[in-house]
Amino acid sequence: MNERTEKSEPEISVIVPVYKVERFLPACIDSLLTQTFEDFELILVDDGSPDGCPVLCDAAAEKDNRVRVFHKPNGGVSTARNAGIDMARGKWIAFVDSDDSVQPDYLEKMHTAALAVGADIALCGGQCVDEEGRVIGPGEPRITDEVMDREEALRRLVTPEYQVPWNKLYRRELFEDLRYPEGKAFEDTAFLPQVLERAACVCGTAGYPYNYRIVSGSAMHRKTTLKTLDWVEAWYCLFEVLYQNGITDTLCAAYRPIFTALWGTWFQLTPEQRRSPRMREAFGYERTARRQLRQAHAVTPGNIWAALVCAVSVQKYLDRCRRRAEKRK
């Protein structure tokens, strides 16, 4: 165990928002406390969890002085991550979901890669595992050992690996005056583009040290409601970052989810919900994005084809993971 005084600053702060994951939390904590890189603090943010998670968090802090626990009323994952950012003392920040786990070299791989090239963000790959922790979907080889500038990193925002928080190591300065939007679903898609926009250099590390657990009933498997329209808003936030930075060759790929989420949600809502202010707002995002597409002269056969290829590639991977998970049940 790494000895540290209360006032000393660790190299990395790992933030884990915790809510109703009593079954999976011990594996998550254990995987972090057995990292080959030891100079870190583990911030467990109990988001008012009604199960045994608060006790598990406190027990972990009793056993390892690298663990810090913050108990707060339930407010959602964004409020928990923001609380963790406010508490963080490390030079670097990483996020891990409390129902996931990581390989022993998760932190070391990204930290070593970032320092080697002076990157502001390092990325690693992930693989899907079932509720028992068995691998059901090998990671997609889109993240390799490479270095990219801000423009290239923003260009890749249309792929899932660049939209999630948990496969990255960030310089703490990137979060100055920047916090997750609270009260929104699909907050990662809206927030991560703003973080990447601040990074001058981003590096990738090959391999799959992150285990993303497919859990039935999780936030990604909820029924369609007006809240689902947050997806439209989130993708427009991503689209807007690309548009403002002149990344026109991926605007078609960023527009497609806005369109499909909008109409996919509309068809599943009631007539009354379709007439709601939130629905009109969502249509406004789509109209604005469509206008910006034309202004950027981004609608070309090549860009449309690239958008389709990106969509098919992502969907095939998700379908493979889903089928394998169903077979294991």
C-alpha atoms as a PDB file:
ATOM      1  CA  MET A   1       0.000   0.000   0.000  1.00  0.00           C
ATOM      2  CA  ASN A   2       1.285   3.446  -0.909  1.00  0.00           C
ATOM      3  CA  GLU A   3       1.912   5.574   2.190  1.00  0.00           C
ATOM      4  CA  ARG A   4       0.791   9.177   1.891  1.00  0.00           C
ATOM      5  CA  THR A   5       0.068  12.014   4.278  1.00  0.00           C
ATOM      6  CA  GLU A   6      -3.293  13.748   4.143  1.00  0.00           C
ATOM      7  CA  LYS A   7      -1.801  16.920   2.581  1.00  0.00           C
ATOM      8  CA  SER A   8       0.358  15.261  -0.073  1.00  0.00           C
ATOM      9  CA  GLU A   9      -0.724  15.327  -3.703  1.00  0.00           C
ATOM     10  CA  PRO A  10      -1.004  12.030  -5.591  1.00  0.00           C
ATOM     11  CA  GLU A  11      -0.063  11.806  -9.240  1.00  0.00           C
ATOM     12  CA  ILE A  12      -3.522  10.562 -10.287  1.00  0.00           C
ATOM     13  CA  SER A  13      -7.037  10.957  -8.891  1.00  0.00           C
ATOM     14  CA  VAL A  14      -9.399   8.136  -9.881  1.00  0.00           C
ATOM     15  CA  ILE A  15     -13.059   9.150  -9.531  1.00  0.00           C
ATOM     16  CA  VAL A  16     -15.733   6.464  -9.157  1.00  0.00           C
ATOM     17  CA  PRO A  17     -19.400   7.546  -8.883  1.00  0.00           C
ATOM     18  CA  VAL A  18     -21.267   4.937  -6.817  1.00  0.00           C
ATOM     19  CA  TYR A  19     -24.997   4.151  -6.925  1.00  0.00           C
ATOM     20  CA  LYS A  20     -26.836   0.840  -6.474  1.00  0.00           C
ATOM     21  CA  VAL A  21     -23.931  -1.394  -7.562  1.00  0.00           C
ATOM     22  CA  GLU A  22     -23.468  -3.451  -4.400  1.00  0.00           C
ATOM     23  CA  ARG A  23     -22.950  -6.606  -6.448  1.00  0.00           C
ATOM     24  CA  PHE A  24     -20.152  -5.188  -8.600  1.00  0.00           C
ATOM     25  CA  LEU A  25     -18.481  -2.518  -6.458  1.00  0.00           C
ATOM     26  CA  PRO A  26     -16.027  -4.828  -4.613  1.00  0.00           C
ATOM     27  CA  ALA A  27     -14.562  -6.062  -7.920  1.00  0.00           C
ATOM     28  CA  CYS A  28     -14.244  -2.482  -9.152  1.00  0.00           C
ATOM     29  CA  ILE A  29     -12.448  -1.328  -6.012  1.00  0.00           C
ATOM     30  CA  ASP A  30     -10.180  -4.372  -5.876  1.00  0.00           C
ATOM     31  CA  SER A  31      -9.132  -3.919  -9.500  1.00  0.00           C
ATOM     32  CA  LEU A  32      -8.101  -0.335  -8.784  1.00  0.00           C
ATOM     33  CA  LEU A  33      -6.269  -1.021  -5.538  1.00  0.00           C
ATOM     34  CA  THR A  34      -4.116  -3.666  -7.252  1.00  0.00           C
ATOM     35  CA  GLN A  35      -2.817  -1.329  -9.963  1.00  0.00           C
ATOM     36  CA  THR A  36       0.830  -1.597 -10.933  1.00  0.00           C
ATOM     37  CA  PHE A  37       0.915   2.215 -10.731  1.00  0.00           C
ATOM     38  CA  GLU A  38       0.456   3.017  -7.038  1.00  0.00           C
ATOM     39  CA  ASP A  39       0.711   6.804  -6.699  1.00  0.00           C
ATOM     40  CA  PHE A  40      -2.990   7.596  -6.916  1.00  0.00           C
ATOM     41  CA  GLU A  41      -5.987   8.411  -4.779  1.00  0.00           C
ATOM     42  CA  LEU A  42      -9.298   6.613  -5.237  1.00  0.00           C
ATOM     43  CA  ILE A  43     -12.281   8.920  -4.751  1.00  0.00           C
ATOM     44  CA  LEU A  44     -15.493   6.971  -4.162  1.00  0.00           C
ATOM     45  CA  VAL A  45     -18.488   9.301  -4.475  1.00  0.00           C
ATOM     46  CA  ASP A  46     -21.523   7.679  -2.854  1.00  0.00           C
ATOM     47  CA  ASP A  47     -24.430   9.301  -4.696  1.00  0.00           C
ATOM     48  CA  GLY A  48     -26.979   8.531  -1.991  1.00  0.00           C
ATOM     49  CA  SER A  49     -26.948   4.812  -2.787  1.00  0.00           C
ATOM     50  CA  PRO A  50     -29.781   3.031  -0.893  1.00  0.00           C
ATOM     51  CA  ASP A  51     -28.063  -0.382  -0.779  1.00  0.00           C
ATOM     52  CA  GLY A  52     -24.866  -1.566   0.902  1.00  0.00           C
ATOM     53  CA  CYS A  53     -22.546   0.578  -1.215  1.00  0.00           C
ATOM     54  CA  PRO A  54     -21.934   3.278   1.432  1.00  0.00           C
ATOM     55  CA  VAL A  55     -20.695   0.634   3.872  1.00  0.00           C
ATOM     56  CA  LEU A  56     -18.501  -0.937   1.187  1.00  0.00           C
ATOM     57  CA  CYS A  57     -16.972   2.452   0.384  1.00  0.00           C
ATOM     58  CA  ASP A  58     -16.193   3.192   4.020  1.00  0.00           C
ATOM     59  CA  ALA A  59     -14.724  -0.282   4.488  1.00  0.00           C
ATOM     60  CA  ALA A  60     -12.371   0.279   1.546  1.00  0.00           C
ATOM     61  CA  ALA A  61     -11.197   3.570   3.052  1.00  0.00           C
ATOM     62  CA  GLU A  62     -10.463   1.826   6.334  1.00  0.00           C
ATOM     63  CA  LYS A  63      -8.247  -0.729   4.605  1.00  0.00           C
ATOM     64  CA  ASP A  64      -6.294   1.558   2.242  1.00  0.00           C
ATOM     65  CA  ASN A  65      -5.312   5.162   2.904  1.00  0.00           C
ATOM     66  CA  ARG A  66      -5.423   5.961  -0.800  1.00  0.00           C
ATOM     67  CA  VAL A  67      -9.226   5.710  -0.679  1.00  0.00           C
ATOM     68  CA  ARG A  68     -11.317   8.814   0.021  1.00  0.00           C
ATOM     69  CA  VAL A  69     -15.099   8.630   0.359  1.00  0.00           C
ATOM     70  CA  PHE A  70     -17.677  11.346  -0.148  1.00  0.00           C
ATOM     71  CA  HIS A  71     -21.315  10.692   0.785  1.00  0.00           C
ATOM     72  CA  LYS A  72     -23.895  12.963  -0.861  1.00  0.00           C
ATOM     73  CA  PRO A  73     -27.643  12.986  -1.548  1.00  0.00           C
ATOM     74  CA  ASN A  74     -28.631  11.346  -4.805  1.00  0.00           C
ATOM     75  CA  GLY A  75     -28.289  13.724  -7.720  1.00  0.00           C
ATOM     76  CA  GLY A  76     -27.191  11.614 -10.663  1.00  0.00           C
ATOM     77  CA  VAL A  77     -23.886  10.518 -12.138  1.00  0.00           C
ATOM     78  CA  SER A  78     -22.960  14.017 -13.336  1.00  0.00           C
ATOM     79  CA  THR A  79     -23.241  15.481  -9.843  1.00  0.00           C
ATOM     80  CA  ALA A  80     -21.139  12.608  -8.502  1.00  0.00           C
ATOM     81  CA  ARG A  81     -18.408  13.105 -11.102  1.00  0.00           C
ATOM     82  CA  ASN A  82     -18.423  16.852 -10.488  1.00  0.00           C
ATOM     83  CA  ALA A  83     -18.056  16.268  -6.749  1.00  0.00           C
ATOM     84  CA  GLY A  84     -15.114  13.996  -7.478  1.00  0.00           C
ATOM     85  CA  ILE A  85     -13.471  16.601  -9.699  1.00  0.00           C
ATOM     86  CA  ASP A  86     -13.864  19.192  -6.939  1.00  0.00           C
ATOM     87  CA  MET A  87     -12.184  16.813  -4.456  1.00  0.00           C
ATOM     88  CA  ALA A  88      -9.379  15.667  -6.748  1.00  0.00           C
ATOM     89  CA  ARG A  89      -5.821  16.513  -5.703  1.00  0.00           C
ATOM     90  CA  GLY A  90      -3.951  14.638  -8.432  1.00  0.00           C
ATOM     91  CA  LYS A  91      -2.115  16.049 -11.408  1.00  0.00           C
ATOM     92  CA  TRP A  92      -4.142  13.694 -13.571  1.00  0.00           C
ATOM     93  CA  ILE A  93      -7.771  12.537 -13.411  1.00  0.00           C
ATOM     94  CA  ALA A  94      -9.346   9.246 -14.467  1.00  0.00           C
ATOM     95  CA  PHE A  95     -12.964   8.076 -14.260  1.00  0.00           C
ATOM     96  CA  VAL A  96     -14.107   4.499 -13.705  1.00  0.00           C
ATOM     97  CA  ASP A  97     -17.734   3.357 -13.589  1.00  0.00           C
ATOM     98  CA  SER A  98     -18.559   1.482 -10.390  1.00  0.00           C
ATOM     99  CA  ASP A  99     -19.983  -1.594 -12.137  1.00  0.00           C
ATOM    100  CA  ASP A 100     -16.865  -1.977 -14.312  1.00  0.00           C
ATOM    101  CA  SER A 101     -13.323  -3.126 -13.562  1.00  0.00           C
ATOM    102  CA  VAL A 102      -9.846  -2.538 -14.947  1.00  0.00           C
ATOM    103  CA  GLN A 103      -6.729  -4.560 -15.650  1.00  0.00           C
ATOM    104  CA  PRO A 104      -3.661  -4.061 -13.386  1.00  0.00           C
ATOM    105  CA  ASP A 105      -1.855  -1.894 -15.955  1.00  0.00           C
ATOM    106  CA  TYR A 106      -4.820   0.437 -16.661  1.00  0.00           C
ATOM    107  CA  LEU A 107      -3.295   3.516 -15.041  1.00  0.00           C
ATOM    108  CA  GLU A 108       0.350   2.735 -15.800  1.00  0.00           C
ATOM    109  CA  LYS A 109      -0.190   2.310 -19.539  1.00  0.00           C
ATOM    110  CA  MET A 110      -1.938   5.624 -19.992  1.00  0.00           C
ATOM    111  CA  HIS A 111       0.275   7.564 -17.598  1.00  0.00           C
ATOM    112  CA  THR A 112       3.488   6.307 -19.217  1.00  0.00           C
ATOM    113  CA  ALA A 113       2.186   7.052 -22.710  1.00  0.00           C
ATOM    114  CA  ALA A 114       1.047  10.571 -21.797  1.00  0.00           C
ATOM    115  CA  LEU A 115       4.350  11.527 -20.179  1.00  0.00           C
ATOM    116  CA  ALA A 116       6.385  10.080 -23.055  1.00  0.00           C
ATOM    117  CA  VAL A 117       4.851  12.447 -25.635  1.00  0.00           C
ATOM    118  CA  GLY A 118       3.632  15.316 -23.457  1.00  0.00           C
ATOM    119  CA  ALA A 119      -0.031  14.553 -24.113  1.00  0.00           C
ATOM    120  CA  ASP A 120      -2.921  16.197 -22.279  1.00  0.00           C
ATOM    121  CA  ILE A 121      -5.116  13.110 -22.644  1.00  0.00           C
ATOM    122  CA  ALA A 122      -4.253   9.435 -23.037  1.00  0.00           C
ATOM    123  CA  LEU A 123      -6.765   6.842 -24.226  1.00  0.00           C
ATOM    124  CA  CYS A 124      -6.942   3.082 -23.904  1.00  0.00           C
ATOM    125  CA  GLY A 125      -9.256   0.449 -25.349  1.00  0.00           C
ATOM    126  CA  GLY A 126     -12.006  -1.452 -23.589  1.00  0.00           C
ATOM    127  CA  GLN A 127     -13.720  -4.789 -23.904  1.00  0.00           C
ATOM    128  CA  CYS A 128     -17.266  -5.820 -23.010  1.00  0.00           C
ATOM    129  CA  VAL A 129     -17.784  -8.311 -20.193  1.00  0.00           C
ATOM    130  CA  ASP A 130     -20.979  -9.909 -18.900  1.00  0.00           C
ATOM    131  CA  GLU A 131     -22.367  -9.624 -15.378  1.00  0.00           C
ATOM    132  CA  GLU A 132     -20.027 -12.398 -14.239  1.00  0.00           C
ATOM    133  CA  GLY A 133     -17.002 -10.588 -15.648  1.00  0.00           C
ATOM    134  CA  ARG A 134     -16.484 -12.907 -18.624  1.00  0.00           C
ATOM    135  CA  VAL A 135     -15.349 -11.298 -21.881  1.00  0.00           C
ATOM    136  CA  ILE A 136     -18.187 -11.222 -24.415  1.00  0.00           C
ATOM    137  CA  GLY A 137     -16.855  -8.739 -26.930  1.00  0.00           C
ATOM    138  CA  PRO A 138     -13.201  -8.222 -27.807  1.00  0.00           C
ATOM    139  CA  GLY A 139     -12.326  -4.568 -28.087  1.00  0.00           C
ATOM    140  CA  GLU A 140     -12.431  -2.798 -31.400  1.00  0.00           C
ATOM    141  CA  PRO A 141      -8.875  -1.971 -32.594  1.00  0.00           C
ATOM    142  CA  ARG A 142      -9.629   1.693 -33.245  1.00  0.00           C
ATOM    143  CA  ILE A 143      -7.280   2.890 -30.495  1.00  0.00           C
ATOM    144  CA  THR A 144      -3.637   2.193 -31.249  1.00  0.00           C
ATOM    145  CA  ASP A 145      -0.245   3.443 -30.080  1.00  0.00           C
ATOM    146  CA  GLU A 146      -0.358   6.858 -31.729  1.00  0.00           C
ATOM    147  CA  VAL A 147      -0.147  10.594 -31.123  1.00  0.00           C
ATOM    148  CA  MET A 148      -2.614  13.085 -32.544  1.00  0.00           C
ATOM    149  CA  ASP A 149      -3.230  16.814 -32.423  1.00  0.00           C
ATOM    150  CA  ARG A 150      -6.455  18.498 -31.325  1.00  0.00           C
ATOM    151  CA  GLU A 151      -7.966  18.488 -34.810  1.00  0.00           C
ATOM    152  CA  GLU A 152      -7.486  14.758 -35.310  1.00  0.00           C
ATOM    153  CA  ALA A 153      -8.803  13.956 -31.835  1.00  0.00           C
ATOM    154  CA  LEU A 154     -11.923  16.031 -32.485  1.00  0.00           C
ATOM    155  CA  ARG A 155     -12.379  14.328 -35.833  1.00  0.00           C
ATOM    156  CA  ARG A 156     -12.658  10.986 -34.042  1.00  0.00           C
ATOM    157  CA  LEU A 157     -15.413  12.142 -31.721  1.00  0.00           C
ATOM    158  CA  VAL A 158     -17.952  10.328 -33.870  1.00  0.00           C
ATOM    159  CA  THR A 159     -16.639   6.975 -32.586  1.00  0.00           C
ATOM    160  CA  PRO A 160     -17.776   5.742 -29.137  1.00  0.00           C
ATOM    161  CA  GLU A 161     -14.266   5.432 -27.676  1.00  0.00           C
ATOM    162  CA  TYR A 162     -13.809   9.212 -27.802  1.00  0.00           C
ATOM    163  CA  GLN A 163     -17.160  10.033 -26.183  1.00  0.00           C
ATOM    164  CA  VAL A 164     -16.881   8.020 -22.960  1.00  0.00           C
ATOM    165  CA  PRO A 165     -14.966   9.250 -19.891  1.00  0.00           C
ATOM    166  CA  TRP A 166     -13.712   5.947 -18.496  1.00  0.00           C
ATOM    167  CA  ASN A 167     -10.987   4.994 -20.996  1.00  0.00           C
ATOM    168  CA  LYS A 168      -9.003   8.198 -20.576  1.00  0.00           C
ATOM    169  CA  LEU A 169      -6.425   9.880 -18.372  1.00  0.00           C
ATOM    170  CA  TYR A 170      -6.728  13.681 -18.325  1.00  0.00           C
ATOM    171  CA  ARG A 171      -4.491  16.480 -17.156  1.00  0.00           C
ATOM    172  CA  ARG A 172      -6.335  18.066 -14.269  1.00  0.00           C
ATOM    173  CA  GLU A 173      -6.053  21.548 -15.810  1.00  0.00           C
ATOM    174  CA  LEU A 174      -8.466  20.543 -18.576  1.00  0.00           C
ATOM    175  CA  PHE A 175     -11.336  20.605 -16.064  1.00  0.00           C
ATOM    176  CA  GLU A 176     -10.691  24.143 -14.827  1.00  0.00           C
ATOM    177  CA  ASP A 177     -14.069  25.954 -14.899  1.00  0.00           C
ATOM    178  CA  LEU A 178     -15.567  22.950 -16.718  1.00  0.00           C
ATOM    179  CA  ARG A 179     -18.040  20.503 -15.183  1.00  0.00           C
ATOM    180  CA  TYR A 180     -20.518  17.875 -16.340  1.00  0.00           C
ATOM    181  CA  PRO A 181     -24.019  19.095 -17.242  1.00  0.00           C
ATOM    182  CA  GLU A 182     -26.309  18.042 -14.408  1.00  0.00           C
ATOM    183  CA  GLY A 183     -29.806  16.641 -14.793  1.00  0.00           C
ATOM    184  CA  LYS A 184     -29.146  15.401 -18.330  1.00  0.00           C
ATOM    185  CA  ALA A 185     -28.928  11.922 -19.824  1.00  0.00           C
ATOM    186  CA  PHE A 186     -26.163  11.085 -22.340  1.00  0.00           C
ATOM    187  CA  GLU A 187     -24.017  13.630 -20.522  1.00  0.00           C
ATOM    188  CA  ASP A 188     -20.764  12.089 -21.750  1.00  0.00           C
ATOM    189  CA  THR A 189     -21.538  12.778 -25.411  1.00  0.00           C
ATOM    190  CA  ALA A 190     -22.218  16.428 -24.578  1.00  0.00           C
ATOM    191  CA  PHE A 191     -19.279  16.919 -22.215  1.00  0.00           C
ATOM    192  CA  LEU A 192     -16.280  15.070 -23.669  1.00  0.00           C
ATOM    193  CA  PRO A 193     -16.050  17.227 -26.831  1.00  0.00           C
ATOM    194  CA  GLN A 194     -15.502  20.276 -24.605  1.00  0.00           C
ATOM    195  CA  VAL A 195     -12.653  18.506 -22.816  1.00  0.00           C
ATOM    196  CA  LEU A 196     -10.992  17.288 -26.015  1.00  0.00           C
ATOM    197  CA  GLU A 197     -11.306  20.784 -27.433  1.00  0.00           C
ATOM    198  CA  ARG A 198      -8.918  21.979 -24.696  1.00  0.00           C
ATOM    199  CA  ALA A 199      -6.264  19.316 -25.344  1.00  0.00           C
ATOM    200  CA  ALA A 200      -3.332  20.254 -27.552  1.00  0.00           C
ATOM    201  CA  CYS A 201      -2.073  16.673 -27.792  1.00  0.00           C
ATOM    202  CA  VAL A 202      -3.823  13.314 -27.346  1.00  0.00           C
ATOM    203  CA  CYS A 203      -2.235   9.871 -27.419  1.00  0.00           C
ATOM    204  CA  GLY A 204      -3.632   6.385 -27.747  1.00  0.00           C
ATOM    205  CA  THR A 205      -2.403   3.155 -26.166  1.00  0.00           C
ATOM    206  CA  ALA A 206      -3.118  -0.219 -27.746  1.00  0.00           C
ATOM    207  CA  GLY A 207      -4.803  -2.976 -25.771  1.00  0.00           C
ATOM    208  CA  TYR A 208      -7.958  -3.375 -23.698  1.00  0.00           C
ATOM    209  CA  PRO A 209      -7.239  -2.684 -20.011  1.00  0.00           C
ATOM    210  CA  TYR A 210     -10.804  -1.518 -19.289  1.00  0.00           C
ATOM    211  CA  ASN A 211     -13.646  -4.003 -18.721  1.00  0.00           C
ATOM    212  CA  TYR A 212     -17.026  -2.492 -19.576  1.00  0.00           C
ATOM    213  CA  ARG A 213     -19.746  -4.564 -17.935  1.00  0.00           C
ATOM    214  CA  ILE A 214     -23.015  -5.122 -19.797  1.00  0.00           C
ATOM    215  CA  VAL A 215     -25.673  -4.980 -17.063  1.00  0.00           C
ATOM    216  CA  SER A 216     -29.371  -5.500 -17.760  1.00  0.00           C
ATOM    217  CA  GLY A 217     -31.490  -2.559 -16.651  1.00  0.00           C
ATOM    218  CA  SER A 218     -28.641  -0.051 -16.831  1.00  0.00           C
ATOM    219  CA  ALA A 219     -29.035   3.531 -18.032  1.00  0.00           C
ATOM    220  CA  MET A 220     -28.376   2.466 -21.630  1.00  0.00           C
ATOM    221  CA  HIS A 221     -31.379   0.120 -21.608  1.00  0.00           C
ATOM    222  CA  ARG A 222     -34.192   2.381 -20.379  1.00  0.00           C
ATOM    223  CA  LYS A 223     -37.513   2.834 -22.161  1.00  0.00           C
ATOM    224  CA  THR A 224     -38.106   5.796 -24.449  1.00  0.00           C
ATOM    225  CA  THR A 225     -39.486   8.956 -22.805  1.00  0.00           C
ATOM    226  CA  LEU A 226     -39.116  12.692 -23.337  1.00  0.00           C
ATOM    227  CA  LYS A 227     -35.878  12.316 -21.379  1.00  0.00           C
ATOM    228  CA  THR A 228     -34.514  10.349 -24.334  1.00  0.00           C
ATOM    229  CA  LEU A 229     -34.454  13.624 -26.256  1.00  0.00           C
ATOM    230  CA  ASP A 230     -31.393  14.517 -24.194  1.00  0.00           C
ATOM    231  CA  TRP A 231     -29.642  12.299 -26.743  1.00  0.00           C
ATOM    232  CA  VAL A 232     -30.541  14.774 -29.494  1.00  0.00           C
ATOM    233  CA  GLU A 233     -29.215  17.674 -27.438  1.00  0.00           C
ATOM    234  CA  ALA A 234     -26.027  15.801 -26.515  1.00  0.00           C
ATOM    235  CA  TRP A 235     -25.227  14.950 -30.111  1.00  0.00           C
ATOM    236  CA  TYR A 236     -25.913  18.524 -31.146  1.00  0.00           C
ATOM    237  CA  CYS A 237     -23.385  19.683 -28.524  1.00  0.00           C
ATOM    238  CA  LEU A 238     -20.853  17.339 -30.117  1.00  0.00           C
ATOM    239  CA  PHE A 239     -21.839  18.515 -33.612  1.00  0.00           C
ATOM    240  CA  GLU A 240     -21.443  22.156 -32.560  1.00  0.00           C
ATOM    241  CA  VAL A 241     -17.882  21.601 -31.304  1.00  0.00           C
ATOM    242  CA  LEU A 242     -16.927  20.018 -34.627  1.00  0.00           C
ATOM    243  CA  TYR A 243     -18.612  22.813 -36.572  1.00  0.00           C
ATOM    244  CA  GLN A 244     -16.968  25.609 -34.575  1.00  0.00           C
ATOM    245  CA  ASN A 245     -13.545  23.980 -34.998  1.00  0.00           C
ATOM    246  CA  GLY A 246     -13.946  23.537 -38.759  1.00  0.00           C
ATOM    247  CA  ILE A 247     -13.933  19.702 -38.674  1.00  0.00           C
ATOM    248  CA  THR A 248     -16.280  19.503 -41.642  1.00  0.00           C
ATOM    249  CA  ASP A 249     -15.428  16.030 -42.932  1.00  0.00           C
ATOM    250  CA  THR A 250     -17.142  14.348 -39.966  1.00  0.00           C
ATOM    251  CA  LEU A 251     -20.159  16.650 -39.678  1.00  0.00           C
ATOM    252  CA  CYS A 252     -22.333  14.225 -41.641  1.00  0.00           C
ATOM    253  CA  ALA A 253     -21.402  11.440 -39.227  1.00  0.00           C
ATOM    254  CA  ALA A 254     -22.265  13.707 -36.280  1.00  0.00           C
ATOM    255  CA  TYR A 255     -25.557  14.825 -37.849  1.00  0.00           C
ATOM    256  CA  ARG A 256     -26.837  11.290 -38.464  1.00  0.00           C
ATOM    257  CA  PRO A 257     -27.384  10.461 -34.723  1.00  0.00           C
ATOM    258  CA  ILE A 258     -29.212  13.781 -34.255  1.00  0.00           C
ATOM    259  CA  PHE A 259     -31.632  12.854 -37.039  1.00  0.00           C
ATOM    260  CA  THR A 260     -32.075   9.204 -36.051  1.00  0.00           C
ATOM    261  CA  ALA A 261     -32.448   9.955 -32.335  1.00  0.00           C
ATOM    262  CA  LEU A 262     -34.991  12.658 -33.039  1.00  0.00           C
ATOM    263  CA  TRP A 263     -37.265  10.571 -35.243  1.00  0.00           C
ATOM    264  CA  GLY A 264     -36.612   7.317 -33.399  1.00  0.00           C
ATOM    265  CA  THR A 265     -37.844   8.998 -30.219  1.00  0.00           C
ATOM    266  CA  TRP A 266     -40.743  10.828 -31.905  1.00  0.00           C
ATOM    267  CA  PHE A 267     -42.290   7.602 -33.206  1.00  0.00           C
ATOM    268  CA  GLN A 268     -42.304   6.082 -29.695  1.00  0.00           C
ATOM    269  CA  LEU A 269     -43.866   9.047 -27.882  1.00  0.00           C
ATOM    270  CA  THR A 270     -47.525   9.791 -27.280  1.00  0.00           C
ATOM    271  CA  PRO A 271     -49.304  12.491 -29.335  1.00  0.00           C
ATOM    272  CA  GLU A 272     -49.263  14.769 -26.300  1.00  0.00           C
ATOM    273  CA  GLN A 273     -45.522  14.269 -25.801  1.00  0.00           C
ATOM    274  CA  ARG A 274     -44.896  15.027 -29.467  1.00  0.00           C
ATOM    275  CA  ARG A 275     -46.451  18.464 -28.951  1.00  0.00           C
ATOM    276  CA  SER A 276     -44.338  19.237 -25.884  1.00  0.00           C
ATOM    277  CA  PRO A 277     -41.841  22.138 -25.640  1.00  0.00           C
ATOM    278  CA  ARG A 278     -39.034  19.597 -25.247  1.00  0.00           C
ATOM    279  CA  MET A 279     -39.961  18.016 -28.589  1.00  0.00           C
ATOM    280  CA  ARG A 280     -39.991  21.426 -30.284  1.00  0.00           C
ATOM    281  CA  GLU A 281     -36.602  22.154 -28.768  1.00  0.00           C
ATOM    282  CA  ALA A 282     -35.220  18.885 -30.139  1.00  0.00           C
ATOM    283  CA  PHE A 283     -36.494  19.728 -33.621  1.00  0.00           C
ATOM    284  CA  GLY A 284     -34.719  23.078 -33.251  1.00  0.00           C
ATOM    285  CA  TYR A 285     -31.392  21.323 -32.680  1.00  0.00           C
ATOM    286  CA  GLU A 286     -31.919  19.243 -35.813  1.00  0.00           C
ATOM    287  CA  ARG A 287     -32.846  22.259 -37.958  1.00  0.00           C
ATOM    288  CA  THR A 288     -29.827  24.212 -36.751  1.00  0.00           C
ATOM    289  CA  ALA A 289     -27.494  21.295 -37.446  1.00  0.00           C
ATOM    290  CA  ARG A 290     -28.975  20.858 -40.921  1.00  0.00           C
ATOM    291  CA  ARG A 291     -28.431  24.559 -41.665  1.00  0.00           C
ATOM    292  CA  GLN A 292     -24.840  24.396 -40.404  1.00  0.00           C
ATOM    293  CA  LEU A 293     -24.207  21.359 -42.588  1.00  0.00           C
ATOM    294  CA  ARG A 294     -25.130  23.404 -45.647  1.00  0.00           C
ATOM    295  CA  GLN A 295     -23.130  26.429 -44.507  1.00  0.00           C
ATOM    296  CA  ALA A 296     -20.036  24.256 -44.030  1.00  0.00           C
ATOM    297  CA  HIS A 297     -20.510  22.600 -47.456  1.00  0.00           C
ATOM    298  CA  ALA A 298     -20.106  19.303 -45.610  1.00  0.00           C
ATOM    299  CA  VAL A 299     -22.696  17.264 -47.517  1.00  0.00           C
ATOM    300  CA  THR A 300     -20.516  15.451 -50.036  1.00  0.00           C
ATOM    301  CA  PRO A 301     -20.713  11.857 -51.294  1.00  0.00           C
ATOM    302  CA  GLY A 302     -17.460  11.036 -49.502  1.00  0.00           C
ATOM    303  CA  ASN A 303     -18.617  12.439 -46.154  1.00  0.00           C
ATOM    304  CA  ILE A 304     -21.990  10.707 -46.412  1.00  0.00           C
ATOM    305  CA  TRP A 305     -20.308   7.396 -47.181  1.00  0.00           C
ATOM    306  CA  ALA A 306     -17.901   7.820 -44.260  1.00  0.00           C
ATOM    307  CA  ALA A 307     -20.853   8.501 -41.946  1.00  0.00           C
ATOM    308  CA  LEU A 308     -22.589   5.312 -43.069  1.00  0.00           C
ATOM    309  CA  VAL A 309     -19.431   3.223 -42.627  1.00  0.00           C
ATOM    310  CA  CYS A 310     -18.954   4.624 -39.117  1.00  0.00           C
ATOM    311  CA  ALA A 311     -22.566   3.892 -38.160  1.00  0.00           C
ATOM    312  CA  VAL A 312     -22.483   0.325 -39.500  1.00  0.00           C
ATOM    313  CA  SER A 313     -19.157  -0.446 -37.791  1.00  0.00           C
ATOM    314  CA  VAL A 314     -20.397   0.715 -34.380  1.00  0.00           C
ATOM    315  CA  GLN A 315     -23.745  -1.060 -34.720  1.00  0.00           C
ATOM    316  CA  LYS A 316     -22.136  -4.352 -35.710  1.00  0.00           C
ATOM    317  CA  TYR A 317     -19.911  -4.277 -32.639  1.00  0.00           C
ATOM    318  CA  LEU A 318     -22.832  -3.506 -30.316  1.00  0.00           C
ATOM    319  CA  ASP A 319     -24.932  -6.248 -31.899  1.00  0.00           C
ATOM    320  CA  ARG A 320     -22.129  -8.800 -31.422  1.00  0.00           C
ATOM    321  CA  CYS A 321     -21.802  -7.914 -27.741  1.00  0.00           C
ATOM    322  CA  ARG A 322     -25.571  -8.068 -27.257  1.00  0.00           C
ATOM    323  CA  ARG A 323     -25.903 -11.483 -28.926  1.00  0.00           C
ATOM    324  CA  ARG A 324     -23.050 -12.934 -26.876  1.00  0.00           C
ATOM    325  CA  ALA A 325     -24.518 -11.545 -23.671  1.00  0.00           C
ATOM    326  CA  GLU A 326     -27.896 -13.109 -24.459  1.00  0.00           C
ATOM    327  CA  LYS A 327     -26.312 -16.499 -25.148  1.00  0.00           C
ATOM    328  CA  ARG A 328     -24.621 -16.422 -21.731  1.00  0.00           C
ATOM    329  CA  LYS A 329     -27.889 -15.909 -19.850  1.00  0.00           C
END
